[in-house]
């Protein structure tokens, strides 16, 4: 079993993602899916039951479900997935939350368009699963590099001279 794990960890992209928070990120995403489904059900069956037409009720339920799932995911990613960076991030909480929402929406748009493109060449469910995986990797990378980036990480990718001055 250890040799299989070592073999998987040596794969270029897979090994990097598994070693660097991606499993936690996926677990948080799964919890967000459960929150989304629960809030969608509560909205449809209880919170917005009196709203007519039914399509408007679904719109409100979906909006609330997506919002709650995104806040859930942001919270858990902040306190668990990227917990080691929390003290080093010099962004206001609301700016970080806004960046997280933007990263998520860009990944959703990416998923939508790639599902449509891939569905022309394969079964739509396979196309959607493929697009979800691709969007998840992009979402993870955007959040790792942008939303939860530390000052040190930004300096490493930016101006090396500034990093030297900070150390001195």
Protein backbone atom coordinates (compact mmCIF):
# COMPACT_ATOMS: atom_id res chain seq x y z
CA UNK A 1 0.00 0.00 0.00
CA UNK A 2 2.86 2.38 0.79
CA UNK A 3 4.42 1.75 -2.62
CA UNK A 4 1.13 2.57 -4.35
CA UNK A 5 0.89 5.79 -2.36
CA UNK A 6 4.48 6.68 -3.29
CA UNK A 7 3.75 5.90 -6.93
CA UNK A 8 0.66 8.10 -6.94
CA UNK A 9 2.52 10.92 -5.18
CA UNK A 10 5.19 10.82 -7.91
CA UNK A 11 2.67 11.55 -10.67
CA UNK A 12 3.30 15.16 -11.74
CA UNK A 13 -0.03 16.88 -11.12
CA UNK A 14 -1.78 14.25 -8.98
CA UNK A 15 1.05 13.93 -6.49
CA UNK A 16 1.35 17.70 -6.12
CA UNK A 17 -2.39 18.13 -5.54
CA UNK A 18 -2.63 15.30 -3.01
CA UNK A 19 0.34 16.57 -1.05
CA UNK A 20 -0.89 20.15 -1.08
CA UNK A 21 -4.34 20.44 0.45
CA UNK A 22 -6.40 19.22 -2.49
CA UNK A 23 -7.94 16.33 -0.52
CA UNK A 24 -9.06 18.75 2.20
CA UNK A 25 -10.36 21.10 -0.50
CA UNK A 26 -12.36 18.22 -2.03
CA UNK A 27 -13.76 17.22 1.36
CA UNK A 28 -14.89 20.79 1.97
CA UNK A 29 -16.47 20.81 -1.50
CA UNK A 30 -18.37 17.64 -0.63
CA UNK A 31 -19.64 19.22 2.59
CA UNK A 32 -20.74 22.23 0.54
CA UNK A 33 -22.71 19.94 -1.74
CA UNK A 34 -24.55 18.54 1.30
CA UNK A 35 -25.24 22.07 2.57
CA UNK A 36 -26.47 23.07 -0.89
CA UNK A 37 -28.87 20.13 -1.10
CA UNK A 38 -30.15 20.66 2.46
CA UNK A 39 -30.78 24.38 2.03
CA UNK A 40 -32.35 23.81 -1.39
CA UNK A 41 -34.78 21.33 0.16
CA UNK A 42 -35.58 23.60 3.11
CA UNK A 43 -36.12 26.55 0.79
CA UNK A 44 -38.39 24.67 -1.57
CA UNK A 45 -40.41 22.80 1.03
CA UNK A 46 -40.59 25.28 3.92
CA UNK A 47 -38.98 28.75 3.65
CA UNK A 48 -40.40 29.82 0.28
CA UNK A 49 -43.39 27.48 0.06
CA UNK A 50 -45.91 30.33 -0.20
CA UNK A 51 -44.13 32.00 -3.13
CA UNK A 52 -45.80 31.71 -6.50
CA UNK A 53 -45.04 30.96 -9.28
CA UNK A 54 -43.16 27.78 -8.49
CA UNK A 55 -40.25 28.80 -10.73
CA UNK A 56 -39.63 31.86 -8.57
CA UNK A 57 -39.57 29.66 -5.48
CA UNK A 58 -36.92 27.45 -7.10
CA UNK A 59 -34.86 30.51 -8.09
CA UNK A 60 -34.88 31.82 -4.52
CA UNK A 61 -34.15 28.37 -3.07
CA UNK A 62 -31.23 27.85 -5.46
CA UNK A 63 -29.79 31.30 -4.78
CA UNK A 64 -29.95 30.73 -1.02
CA UNK A 65 -28.52 27.20 -1.34
CA UNK A 66 -25.59 28.34 -3.49
CA UNK A 67 -24.86 31.28 -1.18
CA UNK A 68 -24.94 29.10 1.97
CA UNK A 69 -22.78 26.40 0.36
CA UNK A 70 -20.23 28.97 -0.79
CA UNK A 71 -20.03 30.56 2.67
CA UNK A 72 -19.73 27.07 4.20
CA UNK A 73 -16.90 26.19 1.84
CA UNK A 74 -15.09 29.49 2.39
CA UNK A 75 -15.32 29.10 6.16
CA UNK A 76 -14.02 25.52 6.20
CA UNK A 77 -11.31 26.23 3.65
CA UNK A 78 -10.20 29.21 5.72
CA UNK A 79 -10.11 27.40 9.07
CA UNK A 80 -9.03 23.94 7.87
CA UNK A 81 -7.65 23.67 4.32
CA UNK A 82 -5.48 26.81 4.52
CA UNK A 83 -5.36 27.09 8.32
CA UNK A 84 -1.57 27.29 8.34
CA UNK A 85 -1.71 30.51 6.30
CA UNK A 86 -4.37 32.31 8.33
CA UNK A 87 -1.93 34.42 10.37
CA UNK A 88 0.23 35.29 7.33
CA UNK A 89 -2.58 36.59 5.13
CA UNK A 90 -2.78 40.35 5.25
CA UNK A 91 -6.20 40.74 3.62
CA UNK A 92 -9.39 41.94 5.21
CA UNK A 93 -11.87 39.11 5.74
CA UNK A 94 -14.43 40.59 3.32
CA UNK A 95 -11.84 41.02 0.56
CA UNK A 96 -10.82 37.41 0.98
CA UNK A 97 -14.47 36.33 0.94
CA UNK A 98 -15.04 38.35 -2.25
CA UNK A 99 -12.01 36.74 -3.89
CA UNK A 100 -13.33 33.32 -2.91
CA UNK A 101 -16.73 34.07 -4.46
CA UNK A 102 -15.07 35.30 -7.69
CA UNK A 103 -12.88 32.19 -7.90
CA UNK A 104 -15.91 29.95 -7.38
CA UNK A 105 -17.99 31.75 -9.99
CA UNK A 106 -15.16 31.59 -12.53
CA UNK A 107 -14.89 27.85 -11.90
CA UNK A 108 -18.66 27.48 -12.36
CA UNK A 109 -18.53 29.35 -15.67
CA UNK A 110 -15.57 27.20 -16.74
CA UNK A 111 -17.48 24.04 -15.81
CA UNK A 112 -20.57 25.16 -17.70
CA UNK A 113 -18.74 25.96 -20.92
CA UNK A 114 -16.48 22.91 -20.87
CA UNK A 115 -19.46 20.65 -20.25
CA UNK A 116 -21.15 22.14 -23.32
CA UNK A 117 -18.01 21.76 -25.44
CA UNK A 118 -17.18 18.23 -24.30
CA UNK A 119 -20.80 17.07 -24.61
CA UNK A 120 -20.47 17.47 -28.38
CA UNK A 121 -17.88 14.67 -28.30
CA UNK A 122 -18.99 12.40 -25.45
CA UNK A 123 -21.95 11.44 -23.25
CA UNK A 124 -23.11 14.57 -21.42
CA UNK A 125 -22.71 13.04 -17.94
CA UNK A 126 -19.09 12.07 -18.66
CA UNK A 127 -18.54 15.53 -20.12
CA UNK A 128 -19.94 17.12 -16.95
CA UNK A 129 -17.85 14.97 -14.61
CA UNK A 130 -14.74 15.79 -16.65
CA UNK A 131 -15.58 19.49 -16.53
CA UNK A 132 -16.21 19.31 -12.77
CA UNK A 133 -12.78 17.78 -12.19
CA UNK A 134 -11.12 20.39 -14.41
CA UNK A 135 -13.04 23.23 -12.73
CA UNK A 136 -12.16 21.89 -9.27
CA UNK A 137 -8.46 21.96 -10.07
CA UNK A 138 -8.76 25.50 -11.45
CA UNK A 139 -10.82 26.61 -8.44
CA UNK A 140 -8.28 25.08 -6.06
CA UNK A 141 -5.33 26.72 -7.81
CA UNK A 142 -7.04 30.13 -7.92
CA UNK A 143 -7.80 29.97 -4.23
CA UNK A 144 -4.33 28.69 -3.35
CA UNK A 145 -2.55 31.33 -5.43
CA UNK A 146 -4.93 34.27 -4.97
CA UNK A 147 -7.52 34.03 -2.16
CA UNK A 148 -5.38 32.31 0.48
CA UNK A 149 -1.96 33.46 -0.74
CA UNK A 150 0.38 34.71 1.93
CA UNK A 151 2.51 37.79 1.55
CA UNK A 152 5.57 35.54 1.25
CA UNK A 153 3.97 33.53 -1.56
CA UNK A 154 3.05 36.69 -3.45
CA UNK A 155 6.61 37.95 -3.08
CA UNK A 156 8.05 34.66 -4.34
CA UNK A 157 5.96 34.92 -7.47
CA UNK A 158 6.54 38.65 -7.84
CA UNK A 159 9.46 40.94 -7.22
CA UNK A 160 12.45 39.08 -5.72
CA UNK A 161 14.10 42.34 -4.71
CA UNK A 162 11.22 43.18 -2.37
CA UNK A 163 11.58 39.80 -0.69
CA UNK A 164 15.25 40.46 -0.03
CA UNK A 165 14.46 43.86 1.47
CA UNK A 166 11.83 42.32 3.79
CA UNK A 167 14.36 39.84 5.14
CA UNK A 168 16.96 42.56 5.86
